[in-house]
C-alpha atoms as a PDB file:
ATOM      1  CA  MET A   1      88.381 132.798  64.526  1.00  0.00           C
ATOM      2  CA  ARG A   2      89.960 135.930  63.154  1.00  0.00           C
ATOM      3  CA  GLY A   3      87.118 137.095  60.948  1.00  0.00           C
ATOM      4  CA  GLY A   4      85.774 136.605  57.442  1.00  0.00           C
ATOM      5  CA  LEU A   5      82.065 136.588  56.679  1.00  0.00           C
ATOM      6  CA  ILE A   6      79.917 135.736  59.682  1.00  0.00           C
ATOM      7  CA  VAL A   7      76.180 135.561  59.069  1.00  0.00           C
ATOM      8  CA  PRO A   8      73.660 136.642  61.748  1.00  0.00           C
ATOM      9  CA  LEU A   9      70.808 134.236  61.007  1.00  0.00           C
ATOM     10  CA  VAL A  10      67.113 135.005  61.051  1.00  0.00           C
ATOM     11  CA  THR A  11      65.038 132.751  63.312  1.00  0.00           C
ATOM     12  CA  PRO A  12      62.485 130.726  61.297  1.00  0.00           C
ATOM     13  CA  VAL A  13      59.383 129.657  63.220  1.00  0.00           C
ATOM     14  CA  ASP A  14      56.333 127.581  62.404  1.00  0.00           C
ATOM     15  CA  ALA A  15      52.658 128.386  62.932  1.00  0.00           C
ATOM     16  CA  SER A  16      52.951 127.496  66.616  1.00  0.00           C
ATOM     17  CA  GLY A  17      55.829 129.934  67.110  1.00  0.00           C
ATOM     18  CA  GLN A  18      58.459 127.255  67.603  1.00  0.00           C
ATOM     19  CA  VAL A  19      61.784 127.190  65.787  1.00  0.00           C
ATOM     20  CA  CYS A  20      61.724 125.065  62.626  1.00  0.00           C
ATOM     21  CA  GLY A  21      64.802 122.855  62.600  1.00  0.00           C
ATOM     22  CA  ALA A  22      64.398 121.904  58.938  1.00  0.00           C
ATOM     23  CA  ASP A  23      64.407 125.562  57.955  1.00  0.00           C
ATOM     24  CA  VAL A  24      67.522 126.228  60.028  1.00  0.00           C
ATOM     25  CA  ALA A  25      69.238 123.324  58.264  1.00  0.00           C
ATOM     26  CA  ALA A  26      68.228 124.714  54.858  1.00  0.00           C
ATOM     27  CA  MET A  27      69.471 128.212  55.712  1.00  0.00           C
ATOM     28  CA  VAL A  28      72.851 126.973  56.896  1.00  0.00           C
ATOM     29  CA  ALA A  29      73.244 124.719  53.856  1.00  0.00           C
ATOM     30  CA  ALA A  30      72.570 127.665  51.525  1.00  0.00           C
ATOM     31  CA  LEU A  31      75.169 129.790  53.337  1.00  0.00           C
ATOM     32  CA  ALA A  32      77.858 127.146  53.792  1.00  0.00           C
ATOM     33  CA  PRO A  33      79.736 127.830  50.519  1.00  0.00           C
ATOM     34  CA  TYR A  34      80.188 131.491  51.447  1.00  0.00           C
ATOM     35  CA  ALA A  35      80.238 131.867  55.244  1.00  0.00           C
ATOM     36  CA  ASP A  36      83.078 131.559  57.731  1.00  0.00           C
ATOM     37  CA  GLY A  37      80.718 131.396  60.707  1.00  0.00           C
ATOM     38  CA  VAL A  38      77.091 131.839  61.744  1.00  0.00           C
ATOM     39  CA  VAL A  39      75.392 133.670  64.603  1.00  0.00           C
ATOM     40  CA  PRO A  40      71.969 132.465  65.721  1.00  0.00           C
ATOM     41  CA  ALA A  41      69.745 134.587  67.964  1.00  0.00           C
ATOM     42  CA  LEU A  42      71.367 137.999  67.574  1.00  0.00           C
ATOM     43  CA  SER A  43      69.413 141.099  66.476  1.00  0.00           C
ATOM     44  CA  THR A  44      68.657 139.759  62.984  1.00  0.00           C
ATOM     45  CA  GLY A  45      67.451 136.609  64.735  1.00  0.00           C
ATOM     46  CA  GLU A  46      65.139 138.677  66.980  1.00  0.00           C
ATOM     47  CA  GLY A  47      67.225 137.609  69.938  1.00  0.00           C
ATOM     48  CA  TRP A  48      65.600 140.169  72.231  1.00  0.00           C
ATOM     49  CA  ALA A  49      62.210 138.455  71.712  1.00  0.00           C
ATOM     50  CA  LEU A  50      63.184 134.781  71.994  1.00  0.00           C
ATOM     51  CA  ASP A  51      61.978 132.899  75.047  1.00  0.00           C
ATOM     52  CA  ASP A  52      64.261 130.303  76.630  1.00  0.00           C
ATOM     53  CA  ARG A  53      62.954 127.428  74.517  1.00  0.00           C
ATOM     54  CA  GLN A  54      63.113 129.341  71.242  1.00  0.00           C
ATOM     55  CA  TRP A  55      66.613 130.603  71.991  1.00  0.00           C
ATOM     56  CA  SER A  56      67.903 127.155  73.001  1.00  0.00           C
ATOM     57  CA  ASP A  57      66.286 125.484  70.000  1.00  0.00           C
ATOM     58  CA  MET A  58      67.721 128.025  67.567  1.00  0.00           C
ATOM     59  CA  VAL A  59      71.247 127.640  68.944  1.00  0.00           C
ATOM     60  CA  ALA A  60      70.936 123.853  69.099  1.00  0.00           C
ATOM     61  CA  HIS A  61      69.595 123.482  65.550  1.00  0.00           C
ATOM     62  CA  THR A  62      72.309 125.778  64.216  1.00  0.00           C
ATOM     63  CA  ALA A  63      75.056 123.821  65.966  1.00  0.00           C
ATOM     64  CA  ARG A  64      73.554 120.524  64.781  1.00  0.00           C
ATOM     65  CA  HIS A  65      73.549 121.567  61.139  1.00  0.00           C
ATOM     66  CA  ALA A  66      76.624 123.832  61.028  1.00  0.00           C
ATOM     67  CA  GLY A  67      78.799 121.190  59.384  1.00  0.00           C
ATOM     68  CA  GLY A  68      81.988 122.564  60.873  1.00  0.00           C
ATOM     69  CA  LEU A  69      81.124 126.255  60.594  1.00  0.00           C
ATOM     70  CA  PRO A  70      81.816 128.037  63.894  1.00  0.00           C
ATOM     71  CA  VAL A  71      78.606 128.876  65.760  1.00  0.00           C
ATOM     72  CA  LEU A  72      78.664 132.075  67.812  1.00  0.00           C
ATOM     73  CA  ALA A  73      75.498 132.301  69.888  1.00  0.00           C
ATOM     74  CA  GLY A  74      73.826 135.693  70.132  1.00  0.00           C
ATOM     75  CA  VAL A  75      72.827 136.711  73.657  1.00  0.00           C
ATOM     76  CA  LEU A  76      70.585 139.747  74.142  1.00  0.00           C
ATOM     77  CA  ARG A  77      69.359 139.826  77.740  1.00  0.00           C
ATOM     78  CA  PRO A  78      68.800 142.768  80.105  1.00  0.00           C
ATOM     79  CA  THR A  79      71.103 141.691  82.951  1.00  0.00           C
ATOM     80  CA  THR A  80      74.595 140.293  83.327  1.00  0.00           C
ATOM     81  CA  ALA A  81      73.296 137.270  85.246  1.00  0.00           C
ATOM     82  CA  GLU A  82      70.938 136.354  82.414  1.00  0.00           C
ATOM     83  CA  VAL A  83      73.679 136.778  79.814  1.00  0.00           C
ATOM     84  CA  VAL A  84      76.046 134.535  81.768  1.00  0.00           C
ATOM     85  CA  ALA A  85      73.318 131.899  82.166  1.00  0.00           C
ATOM     86  CA  ARG A  86      72.681 131.823  78.420  1.00  0.00           C
ATOM     87  CA  ALA A  87      76.409 131.745  77.684  1.00  0.00           C
ATOM     88  CA  ARG A  88      76.730 128.632  79.823  1.00  0.00           C
ATOM     89  CA  ARG A  89      73.773 127.065  78.058  1.00  0.00           C
ATOM     90  CA  ALA A  90      75.271 127.988  74.670  1.00  0.00           C
ATOM     91  CA  ALA A  91      78.413 126.062  75.572  1.00  0.00           C
ATOM     92  CA  GLU A  92      76.308 122.996  76.348  1.00  0.00           C
ATOM     93  CA  LEU A  93      74.530 123.350  72.992  1.00  0.00           C
ATOM     94  CA  GLY A  94      77.744 123.385  70.961  1.00  0.00           C
ATOM     95  CA  ALA A  95      78.480 127.069  70.383  1.00  0.00           C
ATOM     96  CA  ARG A  96      82.112 128.174  70.205  1.00  0.00           C
ATOM     97  CA  ALA A  97      81.582 131.734  71.475  1.00  0.00           C
ATOM     98  CA  VAL A  98      78.875 134.216  72.406  1.00  0.00           C
ATOM     99  CA  VAL A  99      78.115 137.604  70.882  1.00  0.00           C
ATOM    100  CA  ALA A 100      76.638 139.743  73.650  1.00  0.00           C
ATOM    101  CA  SER A 101      75.535 143.328  74.122  1.00  0.00           C
ATOM    102  CA  THR A 102      75.755 145.364  77.293  1.00  0.00           C
ATOM    103  CA  PRO A 103      72.881 145.069  79.800  1.00  0.00           C
ATOM    104  CA  PHE A 104      69.787 147.048  78.853  1.00  0.00           C
ATOM    105  CA  GLY A 105      68.901 150.563  79.938  1.00  0.00           C
ATOM    106  CA  ALA A 106      69.865 154.168  79.260  1.00  0.00           C
ATOM    107  CA  ASP A 107      71.116 154.482  82.838  1.00  0.00           C
ATOM    108  CA  MET A 108      73.886 151.891  82.351  1.00  0.00           C
ATOM    109  CA  ASP A 109      77.178 153.681  83.066  1.00  0.00           C
ATOM    110  CA  GLN A 110      80.522 152.982  81.410  1.00  0.00           C
ATOM    111  CA  GLU A 111      82.156 151.287  84.392  1.00  0.00           C
ATOM    112  CA  ALA A 112      79.184 148.933  84.653  1.00  0.00           C
ATOM    113  CA  MET A 113      79.615 148.027  80.983  1.00  0.00           C
ATOM    114  CA  VAL A 114      83.250 147.068  81.532  1.00  0.00           C
ATOM    115  CA  ALA A 115      82.278 145.104  84.636  1.00  0.00           C
ATOM    116  CA  HIS A 116      79.579 143.292  82.645  1.00  0.00           C
ATOM    117  CA  TYR A 117      82.028 142.041  80.040  1.00  0.00           C
ATOM    118  CA  ALA A 118      84.648 141.233  82.675  1.00  0.00           C
ATOM    119  CA  THR A 119      82.103 139.071  84.501  1.00  0.00           C
ATOM    120  CA  LEU A 120      80.929 137.379  81.312  1.00  0.00           C
ATOM    121  CA  ALA A 121      84.432 136.710  80.001  1.00  0.00           C
ATOM    122  CA  GLY A 122      85.584 135.630  83.439  1.00  0.00           C
ATOM    123  CA  SER A 123      82.723 133.167  83.860  1.00  0.00           C
ATOM    124  CA  GLY A 124      84.585 130.577  81.812  1.00  0.00           C
ATOM    125  CA  ALA A 125      81.462 129.777  79.828  1.00  0.00           C
ATOM    126  CA  LEU A 126      82.669 130.708  76.333  1.00  0.00           C
ATOM    127  CA  PRO A 127      84.883 133.273  74.592  1.00  0.00           C
ATOM    128  CA  VAL A 128      83.110 136.600  74.132  1.00  0.00           C
ATOM    129  CA  VAL A 129      82.515 138.865  71.153  1.00  0.00           C
ATOM    130  CA  ALA A 130      81.519 142.325  72.389  1.00  0.00           C
ATOM    131  CA  TYR A 131      78.455 143.550  70.521  1.00  0.00           C
ATOM    132  CA  HIS A 132      78.789 147.329  70.177  1.00  0.00           C
ATOM    133  CA  GLU A 133      75.270 148.616  69.507  1.00  0.00           C
ATOM    134  CA  SER A 134      72.542 150.762  71.020  1.00  0.00           C
ATOM    135  CA  ALA A 135      69.305 149.760  69.273  1.00  0.00           C
ATOM    136  CA  VAL A 136      68.594 146.881  71.664  1.00  0.00           C
ATOM    137  CA  SER A 137      70.450 147.889  74.830  1.00  0.00           C
ATOM    138  CA  ARG A 138      69.546 151.600  74.554  1.00  0.00           C
ATOM    139  CA  ASN A 139      73.027 152.584  75.634  1.00  0.00           C
ATOM    140  CA  ALA A 140      76.449 152.818  74.005  1.00  0.00           C
ATOM    141  CA  MET A 141      80.066 152.281  74.927  1.00  0.00           C
ATOM    142  CA  THR A 142      82.421 155.216  74.545  1.00  0.00           C
ATOM    143  CA  PRO A 143      85.617 154.637  72.517  1.00  0.00           C
ATOM    144  CA  GLU A 144      87.590 154.386  75.763  1.00  0.00           C
ATOM    145  CA  THR A 145      85.167 151.842  77.227  1.00  0.00           C
ATOM    146  CA  LEU A 146      85.244 149.801  74.041  1.00  0.00           C
ATOM    147  CA  ARG A 147      89.052 149.797  74.094  1.00  0.00           C
ATOM    148  CA  ARG A 148      89.049 148.600  77.708  1.00  0.00           C
ATOM    149  CA  VAL A 149      86.557 145.853  76.896  1.00  0.00           C
ATOM    150  CA  CYS A 150      88.720 144.656  74.003  1.00  0.00           C
ATOM    151  CA  GLU A 151      91.649 144.296  76.403  1.00  0.00           C
ATOM    152  CA  LEU A 152      89.781 141.969  78.755  1.00  0.00           C
ATOM    153  CA  PRO A 153      90.980 138.343  78.858  1.00  0.00           C
ATOM    154  CA  GLY A 154      88.377 136.176  77.180  1.00  0.00           C
ATOM    155  CA  VAL A 155      87.113 138.867  74.786  1.00  0.00           C
ATOM    156  CA  ILE A 156      88.074 137.637  71.309  1.00  0.00           C
ATOM    157  CA  ALA A 157      86.520 140.208  68.931  1.00  0.00           C
ATOM    158  CA  VAL A 158      84.186 143.194  68.698  1.00  0.00           C
ATOM    159  CA  LYS A 159      81.179 143.474  66.388  1.00  0.00           C
ATOM    160  CA  ASP A 160      80.763 147.163  65.652  1.00  0.00           C
ATOM    161  CA  SER A 161      77.126 147.970  64.923  1.00  0.00           C
ATOM    162  CA  SER A 162      77.327 151.532  66.214  1.00  0.00           C
ATOM    163  CA  GLY A 163      76.551 152.999  62.793  1.00  0.00           C
ATOM    164  CA  ASP A 164      79.573 155.310  63.079  1.00  0.00           C
ATOM    165  CA  PRO A 165      81.677 154.720  59.956  1.00  0.00           C
ATOM    166  CA  GLY A 166      84.821 155.839  61.757  1.00  0.00           C
ATOM    167  CA  CYS A 167      84.503 153.621  64.819  1.00  0.00           C
ATOM    168  CA  ALA A 168      85.949 150.389  63.457  1.00  0.00           C
ATOM    169  CA  GLY A 169      88.825 152.113  61.732  1.00  0.00           C
ATOM    170  CA  GLN A 170      89.686 154.140  64.815  1.00  0.00           C
ATOM    171  CA  LEU A 171      89.656 151.033  66.973  1.00  0.00           C
ATOM    172  CA  ARG A 172      91.985 149.192  64.608  1.00  0.00           C
ATOM    173  CA  ALA A 173      94.245 152.235  64.230  1.00  0.00           C
ATOM    174  CA  ALA A 174      94.526 152.443  68.009  1.00  0.00           C
ATOM    175  CA  GLY A 175      95.929 148.917  68.035  1.00  0.00           C
ATOM    176  CA  SER A 176      92.917 146.854  69.018  1.00  0.00           C
ATOM    177  CA  PRO A 177      94.176 143.605  70.569  1.00  0.00           C
ATOM    178  CA  VAL A 178      91.223 141.716  69.056  1.00  0.00           C
ATOM    179  CA  PRO A 179      89.680 141.526  65.567  1.00  0.00           C
ATOM    180  CA  VAL A 180      87.183 144.227  64.629  1.00  0.00           C
ATOM    181  CA  TRP A 181      84.107 143.132  62.660  1.00  0.00           C
ATOM    182  CA  GLN A 182      81.749 145.517  60.876  1.00  0.00           C
ATOM    183  CA  GLY A 183      78.067 144.857  61.470  1.00  0.00           C
ATOM    184  CA  ARG A 184      76.317 147.637  59.543  1.00  0.00           C
ATOM    185  CA  GLU A 185      75.886 147.546  55.786  1.00  0.00           C
ATOM    186  CA  GLU A 186      75.340 151.283  55.347  1.00  0.00           C
ATOM    187  CA  VAL A 187      78.814 152.250  56.646  1.00  0.00           C
ATOM    188  CA  ILE A 188      80.909 149.713  54.736  1.00  0.00           C
ATOM    189  CA  GLY A 189      82.069 152.305  52.230  1.00  0.00           C
ATOM    190  CA  GLY A 190      83.487 154.568  54.937  1.00  0.00           C
ATOM    191  CA  CYS A 191      84.749 152.223  57.637  1.00  0.00           C
ATOM    192  CA  GLY A 192      88.020 151.201  55.958  1.00  0.00           C
ATOM    193  CA  ALA A 193      89.643 147.817  56.376  1.00  0.00           C
ATOM    194  CA  VAL A 194      88.171 145.501  59.003  1.00  0.00           C
ATOM    195  CA  ASP A 195      88.856 141.923  60.045  1.00  0.00           C
ATOM    196  CA  GLY A 196      85.402 140.612  59.226  1.00  0.00           C
ATOM    197  CA  TYR A 197      81.798 141.367  58.373  1.00  0.00           C
ATOM    198  CA  VAL A 198      78.703 140.319  60.316  1.00  0.00           C
ATOM    199  CA  LEU A 199      75.961 141.361  57.917  1.00  0.00           C
ATOM    200  CA  ALA A 200      72.235 140.670  57.877  1.00  0.00           C
ATOM    201  CA  LEU A 201      72.373 141.089  54.104  1.00  0.00           C
ATOM    202  CA  ALA A 202      74.430 137.900  53.883  1.00  0.00           C
ATOM    203  CA  ASN A 203      71.287 135.866  54.576  1.00  0.00           C
ATOM    204  CA  VAL A 204      69.978 136.798  51.124  1.00  0.00           C
ATOM    205  CA  ALA A 205      73.117 137.924  49.237  1.00  0.00           C
ATOM    206  CA  PRO A 206      75.879 135.670  50.581  1.00  0.00           C
ATOM    207  CA  GLU A 207      77.964 135.634  47.415  1.00  0.00           C
ATOM    208  CA  LEU A 208      78.076 139.446  47.298  1.00  0.00           C
ATOM    209  CA  CYS A 209      79.034 139.676  50.973  1.00  0.00           C
ATOM    210  CA  ALA A 210      81.718 137.018  50.516  1.00  0.00           C
ATOM    211  CA  ARG A 211      83.229 139.184  47.769  1.00  0.00           C
ATOM    212  CA  LEU A 212      83.507 142.033  50.275  1.00  0.00           C
ATOM    213  CA  ARG A 213      85.486 139.741  52.524  1.00  0.00           C
ATOM    214  CA  ARG A 214      87.773 138.540  49.725  1.00  0.00           C
ATOM    215  CA  GLU A 215      88.477 141.818  47.943  1.00  0.00           C
ATOM    216  CA  GLY A 216      88.559 144.522  50.619  1.00  0.00           C
ATOM    217  CA  PRO A 217      88.614 148.331  50.315  1.00  0.00           C
ATOM    218  CA  THR A 218      91.927 148.489  48.431  1.00  0.00           C
ATOM    219  CA  ALA A 219      90.581 146.486  45.493  1.00  0.00           C
ATOM    220  CA  PRO A 220      89.776 148.360  42.264  1.00  0.00           C
ATOM    221  CA  SER A 221      86.301 146.824  42.383  1.00  0.00           C
ATOM    222  CA  TRP A 222      85.541 148.171  45.860  1.00  0.00           C
ATOM    223  CA  ALA A 223      83.401 151.188  44.917  1.00  0.00           C
ATOM    224  CA  GLY A 224      81.306 148.988  42.666  1.00  0.00           C
ATOM    225  CA  LEU A 225      80.895 146.419  45.437  1.00  0.00           C
ATOM    226  CA  VAL A 226      79.735 149.098  47.873  1.00  0.00           C
ATOM    227  CA  ASP A 227      77.177 150.227  45.302  1.00  0.00           C
ATOM    228  CA  GLU A 228      76.000 146.627  44.870  1.00  0.00           C
ATOM    229  CA  VAL A 229      75.592 146.297  48.634  1.00  0.00           C
ATOM    230  CA  ALA A 230      73.501 149.475  48.761  1.00  0.00           C
ATOM    231  CA  ALA A 231      71.295 148.223  45.918  1.00  0.00           C
ATOM    232  CA  ALA A 232      70.854 144.807  47.534  1.00  0.00           C
ATOM    233  CA  CYS A 233      69.960 146.419  50.868  1.00  0.00           C
ATOM    234  CA  ALA A 234      67.294 148.502  49.128  1.00  0.00           C
ATOM    235  CA  GLU A 235      65.949 145.487  47.243  1.00  0.00           C
ATOM    236  CA  HIS A 236      65.611 143.354  50.364  1.00  0.00           C
ATOM    237  CA  GLY A 237      64.696 146.053  52.903  1.00  0.00           C
ATOM    238  CA  VAL A 238      67.748 145.340  55.019  1.00  0.00           C
ATOM    239  CA  LEU A 239      68.019 148.883  56.384  1.00  0.00           C
ATOM    240  CA  GLY A 240      64.387 149.136  57.521  1.00  0.00           C
ATOM    241  CA  GLU A 241      63.103 148.638  61.045  1.00  0.00           C
ATOM    242  CA  ASP A 242      61.554 145.289  60.081  1.00  0.00           C
ATOM    243  CA  TRP A 243      64.646 144.054  58.235  1.00  0.00           C
ATOM    244  CA  TYR A 244      64.402 140.568  59.725  1.00  0.00           C
ATOM    245  CA  VAL A 245      60.856 140.134  58.391  1.00  0.00           C
ATOM    246  CA  ARG A 246      61.926 141.352  54.964  1.00  0.00           C
ATOM    247  CA  ILE A 247      64.812 138.877  54.938  1.00  0.00           C
ATOM    248  CA  LYS A 248      62.498 136.065  56.020  1.00  0.00           C
ATOM    249  CA  THR A 249      60.100 137.011  53.228  1.00  0.00           C
ATOM    250  CA  THR A 250      62.863 136.716  50.630  1.00  0.00           C
ATOM    251  CA  LEU A 251      64.010 133.378  52.038  1.00  0.00           C
ATOM    252  CA  CYS A 252      60.428 132.145  51.980  1.00  0.00           C
ATOM    253  CA  GLN A 253      60.009 133.216  48.360  1.00  0.00           C
ATOM    254  CA  ARG A 254      63.154 131.282  47.510  1.00  0.00           C
ATOM    255  CA  GLY A 255      61.834 128.157  49.210  1.00  0.00           C
ATOM    256  CA  ILE A 256      64.549 128.110  51.872  1.00  0.00           C
ATOM    257  CA  ILE A 257      62.177 128.634  54.817  1.00  0.00           C
ATOM    258  CA  ALA A 258      58.469 127.884  54.974  1.00  0.00           C
ATOM    259  CA  ASP A 259      57.095 130.838  56.934  1.00  0.00           C
ATOM    260  CA  PRO A 260      58.190 134.494  57.090  1.00  0.00           C
ATOM    261  CA  ARG A 261      56.389 135.386  60.319  1.00  0.00           C
ATOM    262  CA  PRO A 262      58.312 137.237  63.045  1.00  0.00           C
ATOM    263  CA  ILE A 263      58.735 135.800  66.532  1.00  0.00           C
ATOM    264  CA  SER A 264      55.769 137.828  67.801  1.00  0.00           C
ATOM    265  CA  GLY A 265      53.585 136.282  65.114  1.00  0.00           C
ATOM    266  CA  GLY A 266      52.603 139.784  64.009  1.00  0.00           C
END
């Protein structure tokens, strides 16, 4: 897929801490008129905290209820071997691609990051979307490393969640061989044209986020749309550290999911 609006889903759990399939079905049904794809188990889905059963169940329920929407499984694990193992499992569960960060740790060097994605993409498990972030992995790719990763066979897109408003535009201007997707709401106004959006806000404001996709930064309405996004983020707490809980709370209030608790149960 080239891009569009791709929604990183929250992970709804019941009182026992297990993924609620009915809630996943309800979330996907509510998003279906607006989304071009869905991502279970990424950061908004608390992917760093999911055990093997929770992760597998979330990916499986999403694939079961996607109704033709592409499912891109989030994979946030500390080592390349663990990422490859989950990518292979994601293929078995019906995902079309994986969205994966670098391995975890501030001591991860740039060559190791390239090697990580080369191994993952070369595993033959699934096509790879490189997840450019630092909040979970605690490291960051340089622009040169990111360019090299985008050139790897099997890498099909990059989700830029660096928080740098210039990063996506610079990557596209440099002739990125793969689509560039913006993953941070607060930089939309300054990142220029991108190929797609992967926005947590879309869980609770899908129509607004779909308008971003349709209209783009050259539209006369763009400044107003950016202002609407900022207001919606403030209303739903999307830019806070507990954004996934705030999103779950809104979905619970709307009757889409039954329980807003985080994976930890806290």
